[in-house]
Amino acid sequence: MLHSQTVEKMPRTRKAENKNLEVKPITFLIQRSSCKERRKTVLAKSFMELKRKACLEFKIDSNDVKFVLQDGTEVSDDDFLQTRPNYTCLTLLKQEEFYSYLPQQVKEALDTIATVITQNKRVFIEADEFVEEKLHLLQQLQKIIEKIVVSDEQKFADLRKDHMEWFEGLDYRYTSKKEFMQGNAQQRIRSYYYK
């Protein structure tokens, strides 16, 4: 008798669980290219729905597109999309297009400004007596940005020998980024136990 009651209750529990697994739509802010056009709001439950709706908004063929986050991470499946909060900004690109993340965009802007000022120095000196100081500050900013911008090879490099700058100031026992991050996470979790 007890066994039959348990069997009857199990299907009800599974139905309740399935209701909890219902996929809720997420609101995304879609832009066509980084900071060049206005963002459009798209509500979607799945990657395919997001792709279809975004392509309709921007009048692009949906067979030839990809989505990237602002850090350059490409988004291509439902599992990842469901982890994103509402109003996540995605950039819609054609397959042959590339996305430069924010530090790269800042670097390009500073390079352009420095080039214009350097090429037209005489005009700027006449207009502004502090142009030399401003140019010096601009060059310092460029150096800082160059430290932030990382090449694709270094982004995906895991070993110390492949990305020495990343390991500057860290203990020599760490031989990979993964090892360091794992050790750091373990330390943080241990600290929660001893508070």
C-alpha atoms as a PDB file:
ATOM      1  CA  MET A   1       0.000   0.000   0.000  1.00  0.00           C
ATOM      2  CA  LEU A   2       2.773   2.406   0.870  1.00  0.00           C
ATOM      3  CA  HIS A   3       4.563   1.591  -2.381  1.00  0.00           C
ATOM      4  CA  SER A   4       1.503   2.391  -4.523  1.00  0.00           C
ATOM      5  CA  GLN A   5       1.033   5.733  -2.747  1.00  0.00           C
ATOM      6  CA  THR A   6       4.646   6.667  -3.491  1.00  0.00           C
ATOM      7  CA  VAL A   7       4.215   5.753  -7.158  1.00  0.00           C
ATOM      8  CA  GLU A   8       1.082   7.906  -7.410  1.00  0.00           C
ATOM      9  CA  LYS A   9       2.820  10.929  -5.861  1.00  0.00           C
ATOM     10  CA  MET A  10       5.900  10.780  -8.076  1.00  0.00           C
ATOM     11  CA  PRO A  11       4.178  11.862 -11.317  1.00  0.00           C
ATOM     12  CA  ARG A  12       2.590  14.837  -9.548  1.00  0.00           C
ATOM     13  CA  THR A  13       6.004  15.927  -8.267  1.00  0.00           C
ATOM     14  CA  ARG A  14       7.506  15.628 -11.747  1.00  0.00           C
ATOM     15  CA  LYS A  15       4.748  17.807 -13.208  1.00  0.00           C
ATOM     16  CA  ALA A  16       5.412  20.415 -10.547  1.00  0.00           C
ATOM     17  CA  GLU A  17       9.130  20.293 -11.357  1.00  0.00           C
ATOM     18  CA  ASN A  18       8.392  20.741 -15.069  1.00  0.00           C
ATOM     19  CA  LYS A  19       6.385  23.880 -14.305  1.00  0.00           C
ATOM     20  CA  ASN A  20       9.409  25.260 -12.458  1.00  0.00           C
ATOM     21  CA  LEU A  21      11.608  24.518 -15.470  1.00  0.00           C
ATOM     22  CA  GLU A  22       9.495  26.714 -17.728  1.00  0.00           C
ATOM     23  CA  VAL A  23      11.783  29.023 -19.661  1.00  0.00           C
ATOM     24  CA  LYS A  24      11.088  32.693 -19.055  1.00  0.00           C
ATOM     25  CA  PRO A  25      11.785  35.286 -21.744  1.00  0.00           C
ATOM     26  CA  ILE A  26      14.776  37.559 -21.209  1.00  0.00           C
ATOM     27  CA  THR A  27      15.022  41.134 -22.426  1.00  0.00           C
ATOM     28  CA  PHE A  28      18.180  41.863 -24.419  1.00  0.00           C
ATOM     29  CA  LEU A  29      19.540  45.157 -25.693  1.00  0.00           C
ATOM     30  CA  ILE A  30      20.829  44.557 -29.198  1.00  0.00           C
ATOM     31  CA  GLN A  31      23.124  46.917 -31.071  1.00  0.00           C
ATOM     32  CA  ARG A  32      24.308  46.437 -34.627  1.00  0.00           C
ATOM     33  CA  SER A  33      27.911  47.480 -34.070  1.00  0.00           C
ATOM     34  CA  SER A  34      29.733  48.833 -31.064  1.00  0.00           C
ATOM     35  CA  CYS A  35      28.409  52.275 -30.075  1.00  0.00           C
ATOM     36  CA  LYS A  36      27.485  53.295 -33.631  1.00  0.00           C
ATOM     37  CA  GLU A  37      23.721  52.791 -33.627  1.00  0.00           C
ATOM     38  CA  ARG A  38      20.901  52.924 -31.141  1.00  0.00           C
ATOM     39  CA  ARG A  39      20.176  49.777 -29.178  1.00  0.00           C
ATOM     40  CA  LYS A  40      16.945  47.920 -29.774  1.00  0.00           C
ATOM     41  CA  THR A  41      15.109  45.857 -27.173  1.00  0.00           C
ATOM     42  CA  VAL A  42      14.383  42.215 -28.011  1.00  0.00           C
ATOM     43  CA  LEU A  43      12.474  39.782 -25.781  1.00  0.00           C
ATOM     44  CA  ALA A  44      13.348  36.107 -26.387  1.00  0.00           C
ATOM     45  CA  LYS A  45      13.177  32.683 -24.746  1.00  0.00           C
ATOM     46  CA  SER A  46      15.743  30.941 -26.944  1.00  0.00           C
ATOM     47  CA  PHE A  47      18.800  31.703 -29.010  1.00  0.00           C
ATOM     48  CA  MET A  48      16.978  30.982 -32.272  1.00  0.00           C
ATOM     49  CA  GLU A  49      14.130  33.320 -31.311  1.00  0.00           C
ATOM     50  CA  LEU A  50      16.618  36.039 -30.342  1.00  0.00           C
ATOM     51  CA  LYS A  51      18.456  35.610 -33.628  1.00  0.00           C
ATOM     52  CA  ARG A  52      15.244  35.735 -35.684  1.00  0.00           C
ATOM     53  CA  LYS A  53      13.839  38.818 -33.902  1.00  0.00           C
ATOM     54  CA  ALA A  54      17.130  40.745 -33.891  1.00  0.00           C
ATOM     55  CA  CYS A  55      17.674  40.091 -37.589  1.00  0.00           C
ATOM     56  CA  LEU A  56      14.152  41.318 -38.336  1.00  0.00           C
ATOM     57  CA  GLU A  57      14.811  44.505 -36.337  1.00  0.00           C
ATOM     58  CA  PHE A  58      18.051  45.265 -38.186  1.00  0.00           C
ATOM     59  CA  LYS A  59      16.909  43.832 -41.553  1.00  0.00           C
ATOM     60  CA  ILE A  60      19.796  41.344 -41.818  1.00  0.00           C
ATOM     61  CA  ASP A  61      19.854  37.773 -43.143  1.00  0.00           C
ATOM     62  CA  SER A  62      19.733  35.504 -40.070  1.00  0.00           C
ATOM     63  CA  ASN A  63      21.951  32.808 -41.651  1.00  0.00           C
ATOM     64  CA  ASP A  64      25.061  34.959 -41.519  1.00  0.00           C
ATOM     65  CA  VAL A  65      25.129  36.507 -38.009  1.00  0.00           C
ATOM     66  CA  LYS A  66      26.637  36.067 -34.562  1.00  0.00           C
ATOM     67  CA  PHE A  67      26.152  37.730 -31.166  1.00  0.00           C
ATOM     68  CA  VAL A  68      28.928  38.919 -28.869  1.00  0.00           C
ATOM     69  CA  LEU A  69      28.948  40.345 -25.351  1.00  0.00           C
ATOM     70  CA  GLN A  70      30.716  43.621 -24.631  1.00  0.00           C
ATOM     71  CA  ASP A  71      33.876  41.746 -23.604  1.00  0.00           C
ATOM     72  CA  GLY A  72      33.982  40.010 -27.004  1.00  0.00           C
ATOM     73  CA  THR A  73      32.595  36.632 -25.844  1.00  0.00           C
ATOM     74  CA  GLU A  74      30.546  35.016 -28.601  1.00  0.00           C
ATOM     75  CA  VAL A  75      27.079  33.807 -27.568  1.00  0.00           C
ATOM     76  CA  SER A  76      25.740  30.836 -29.487  1.00  0.00           C
ATOM     77  CA  ASP A  77      23.429  28.676 -27.353  1.00  0.00           C
ATOM     78  CA  ASP A  78      20.354  28.662 -25.125  1.00  0.00           C
ATOM     79  CA  ASP A  79      22.174  27.502 -21.985  1.00  0.00           C
ATOM     80  CA  PHE A  80      24.411  30.544 -21.911  1.00  0.00           C
ATOM     81  CA  LEU A  81      21.573  32.926 -22.766  1.00  0.00           C
ATOM     82  CA  GLN A  82      19.479  31.676 -19.848  1.00  0.00           C
ATOM     83  CA  THR A  83      22.270  32.650 -17.417  1.00  0.00           C
ATOM     84  CA  ARG A  84      22.213  36.283 -18.563  1.00  0.00           C
ATOM     85  CA  PRO A  85      20.259  38.912 -16.628  1.00  0.00           C
ATOM     86  CA  ASN A  86      17.608  41.098 -18.248  1.00  0.00           C
ATOM     87  CA  TYR A  87      18.932  43.995 -20.320  1.00  0.00           C
ATOM     88  CA  THR A  88      22.167  42.260 -21.224  1.00  0.00           C
ATOM     89  CA  CYS A  89      23.723  44.138 -24.141  1.00  0.00           C
ATOM     90  CA  LEU A  90      24.631  42.022 -27.168  1.00  0.00           C
ATOM     91  CA  THR A  91      26.232  43.156 -30.405  1.00  0.00           C
ATOM     92  CA  LEU A  92      24.896  41.653 -33.620  1.00  0.00           C
ATOM     93  CA  LEU A  93      27.629  41.068 -36.205  1.00  0.00           C
ATOM     94  CA  LYS A  94      27.887  39.409 -39.582  1.00  0.00           C
ATOM     95  CA  GLN A  95      30.184  36.359 -39.558  1.00  0.00           C
ATOM     96  CA  GLU A  96      33.004  38.224 -41.329  1.00  0.00           C
ATOM     97  CA  GLU A  97      32.844  41.219 -38.947  1.00  0.00           C
ATOM     98  CA  PHE A  98      34.970  41.529 -35.813  1.00  0.00           C
ATOM     99  CA  TYR A  99      34.171  43.133 -32.482  1.00  0.00           C
ATOM    100  CA  SER A 100      36.658  45.240 -30.592  1.00  0.00           C
ATOM    101  CA  TYR A 101      35.915  45.360 -26.904  1.00  0.00           C
ATOM    102  CA  LEU A 102      35.859  48.608 -24.935  1.00  0.00           C
ATOM    103  CA  PRO A 103      39.580  48.994 -24.052  1.00  0.00           C
ATOM    104  CA  GLN A 104      40.416  48.460 -27.725  1.00  0.00           C
ATOM    105  CA  GLN A 105      37.858  51.103 -28.732  1.00  0.00           C
ATOM    106  CA  VAL A 106      39.332  53.573 -26.219  1.00  0.00           C
ATOM    107  CA  LYS A 107      42.836  52.867 -27.520  1.00  0.00           C
ATOM    108  CA  GLU A 108      41.748  53.476 -31.114  1.00  0.00           C
ATOM    109  CA  ALA A 109      40.048  56.756 -30.132  1.00  0.00           C
ATOM    110  CA  LEU A 110      43.125  57.969 -28.225  1.00  0.00           C
ATOM    111  CA  ASP A 111      45.396  57.033 -31.143  1.00  0.00           C
ATOM    112  CA  THR A 112      43.203  59.035 -33.513  1.00  0.00           C
ATOM    113  CA  ILE A 113      43.176  62.080 -31.205  1.00  0.00           C
ATOM    114  CA  ALA A 114      46.960  61.920 -30.725  1.00  0.00           C
ATOM    115  CA  THR A 115      47.513  61.660 -34.468  1.00  0.00           C
ATOM    116  CA  VAL A 116      45.295  64.665 -35.194  1.00  0.00           C
ATOM    117  CA  ILE A 117      46.991  66.771 -32.507  1.00  0.00           C
ATOM    118  CA  THR A 118      50.500  65.745 -33.596  1.00  0.00           C
ATOM    119  CA  GLN A 119      49.819  66.426 -37.290  1.00  0.00           C
ATOM    120  CA  ASN A 120      48.236  69.812 -36.554  1.00  0.00           C
ATOM    121  CA  LYS A 121      50.366  70.820 -33.579  1.00  0.00           C
ATOM    122  CA  ARG A 122      50.933  74.386 -34.741  1.00  0.00           C
ATOM    123  CA  VAL A 123      47.188  75.043 -35.113  1.00  0.00           C
ATOM    124  CA  PHE A 124      46.493  73.603 -31.669  1.00  0.00           C
ATOM    125  CA  ILE A 125      49.319  75.595 -30.045  1.00  0.00           C
ATOM    126  CA  GLU A 126      47.838  78.806 -31.429  1.00  0.00           C
ATOM    127  CA  ALA A 127      44.384  77.876 -30.134  1.00  0.00           C
ATOM    128  CA  ASP A 128      45.439  76.442 -26.767  1.00  0.00           C
ATOM    129  CA  GLU A 129      48.609  77.278 -24.818  1.00  0.00           C
ATOM    130  CA  PHE A 130      48.366  74.028 -22.788  1.00  0.00           C
ATOM    131  CA  VAL A 131      48.398  71.712 -25.791  1.00  0.00           C
ATOM    132  CA  GLU A 132      51.850  70.296 -24.890  1.00  0.00           C
ATOM    133  CA  GLU A 133      50.645  69.250 -21.428  1.00  0.00           C
ATOM    134  CA  LYS A 134      47.467  67.780 -22.902  1.00  0.00           C
ATOM    135  CA  LEU A 135      49.459  65.838 -25.489  1.00  0.00           C
ATOM    136  CA  HIS A 136      51.706  64.486 -22.729  1.00  0.00           C
ATOM    137  CA  LEU A 137      48.630  63.358 -20.711  1.00  0.00           C
ATOM    138  CA  LEU A 138      47.202  61.763 -23.833  1.00  0.00           C
ATOM    139  CA  GLN A 139      50.410  59.801 -24.377  1.00  0.00           C
ATOM    140  CA  GLN A 140      50.314  58.603 -20.759  1.00  0.00           C
ATOM    141  CA  LEU A 141      46.711  57.462 -21.262  1.00  0.00           C
ATOM    142  CA  GLN A 142      47.768  55.589 -24.386  1.00  0.00           C
ATOM    143  CA  LYS A 143      50.433  53.717 -22.410  1.00  0.00           C
ATOM    144  CA  ILE A 144      47.901  52.746 -19.736  1.00  0.00           C
ATOM    145  CA  ILE A 145      45.409  51.538 -22.353  1.00  0.00           C
ATOM    146  CA  GLU A 146      48.125  49.504 -24.104  1.00  0.00           C
ATOM    147  CA  LYS A 147      48.600  47.590 -20.849  1.00  0.00           C
ATOM    148  CA  ILE A 148      44.855  46.853 -20.716  1.00  0.00           C
ATOM    149  CA  VAL A 149      44.468  45.747 -24.341  1.00  0.00           C
ATOM    150  CA  VAL A 150      45.416  42.096 -24.679  1.00  0.00           C
ATOM    151  CA  SER A 151      46.122  40.231 -27.913  1.00  0.00           C
ATOM    152  CA  ASP A 152      44.023  37.198 -28.874  1.00  0.00           C
ATOM    153  CA  GLU A 153      47.010  34.898 -28.271  1.00  0.00           C
ATOM    154  CA  GLN A 154      47.360  36.188 -24.714  1.00  0.00           C
ATOM    155  CA  LYS A 155      43.606  36.051 -24.010  1.00  0.00           C
ATOM    156  CA  PHE A 156      43.579  32.307 -24.531  1.00  0.00           C
ATOM    157  CA  ALA A 157      47.080  31.589 -23.190  1.00  0.00           C
ATOM    158  CA  ASP A 158      46.923  29.613 -19.962  1.00  0.00           C
ATOM    159  CA  LEU A 159      50.553  28.859 -19.138  1.00  0.00           C
ATOM    160  CA  ARG A 160      52.960  31.250 -17.421  1.00  0.00           C
ATOM    161  CA  LYS A 161      55.488  31.037 -20.274  1.00  0.00           C
ATOM    162  CA  ASP A 162      52.821  32.134 -22.805  1.00  0.00           C
ATOM    163  CA  HIS A 163      51.663  35.260 -20.904  1.00  0.00           C
ATOM    164  CA  MET A 164      54.399  36.405 -18.498  1.00  0.00           C
ATOM    165  CA  GLU A 165      52.860  39.862 -17.869  1.00  0.00           C
ATOM    166  CA  TRP A 166      49.697  38.293 -16.428  1.00  0.00           C
ATOM    167  CA  PHE A 167      51.732  36.494 -13.759  1.00  0.00           C
ATOM    168  CA  GLU A 168      53.732  39.554 -12.641  1.00  0.00           C
ATOM    169  CA  GLY A 169      53.629  39.833  -8.845  1.00  0.00           C
ATOM    170  CA  LEU A 170      52.102  36.366  -8.364  1.00  0.00           C
ATOM    171  CA  ASP A 171      53.651  33.464  -6.482  1.00  0.00           C
ATOM    172  CA  TYR A 172      55.955  31.316  -8.656  1.00  0.00           C
ATOM    173  CA  ARG A 173      54.173  28.100  -7.650  1.00  0.00           C
ATOM    174  CA  TYR A 174      51.365  28.989 -10.081  1.00  0.00           C
ATOM    175  CA  THR A 175      52.158  27.727 -13.563  1.00  0.00           C
ATOM    176  CA  SER A 176      48.802  28.424 -15.225  1.00  0.00           C
ATOM    177  CA  LYS A 177      45.961  30.950 -15.001  1.00  0.00           C
ATOM    178  CA  LYS A 178      43.514  28.142 -14.270  1.00  0.00           C
ATOM    179  CA  GLU A 179      45.634  26.963 -11.336  1.00  0.00           C
ATOM    180  CA  PHE A 180      45.808  30.500  -9.910  1.00  0.00           C
ATOM    181  CA  MET A 181      42.065  31.123 -10.282  1.00  0.00           C
ATOM    182  CA  GLN A 182      41.250  27.756  -8.712  1.00  0.00           C
ATOM    183  CA  GLY A 183      43.562  28.436  -5.751  1.00  0.00           C
ATOM    184  CA  ASN A 184      42.138  31.928  -5.343  1.00  0.00           C
ATOM    185  CA  ALA A 185      38.556  30.593  -5.322  1.00  0.00           C
ATOM    186  CA  GLN A 186      39.470  27.928  -2.758  1.00  0.00           C
ATOM    187  CA  GLN A 187      41.037  30.559  -0.497  1.00  0.00           C
ATOM    188  CA  ARG A 188      37.955  32.743  -0.739  1.00  0.00           C
ATOM    189  CA  ILE A 189      35.617  29.840   0.098  1.00  0.00           C
ATOM    190  CA  ARG A 190      37.797  28.823   3.067  1.00  0.00           C
ATOM    191  CA  SER A 191      37.669  32.377   4.381  1.00  0.00           C
ATOM    192  CA  TYR A 192      33.859  32.184   4.509  1.00  0.00           C
ATOM    193  CA  TYR A 193      34.046  29.159   6.801  1.00  0.00           C
ATOM    194  CA  TYR A 194      36.298  30.905   9.315  1.00  0.00           C
ATOM    195  CA  LYS A 195      34.392  34.170   9.662  1.00  0.00           C
END
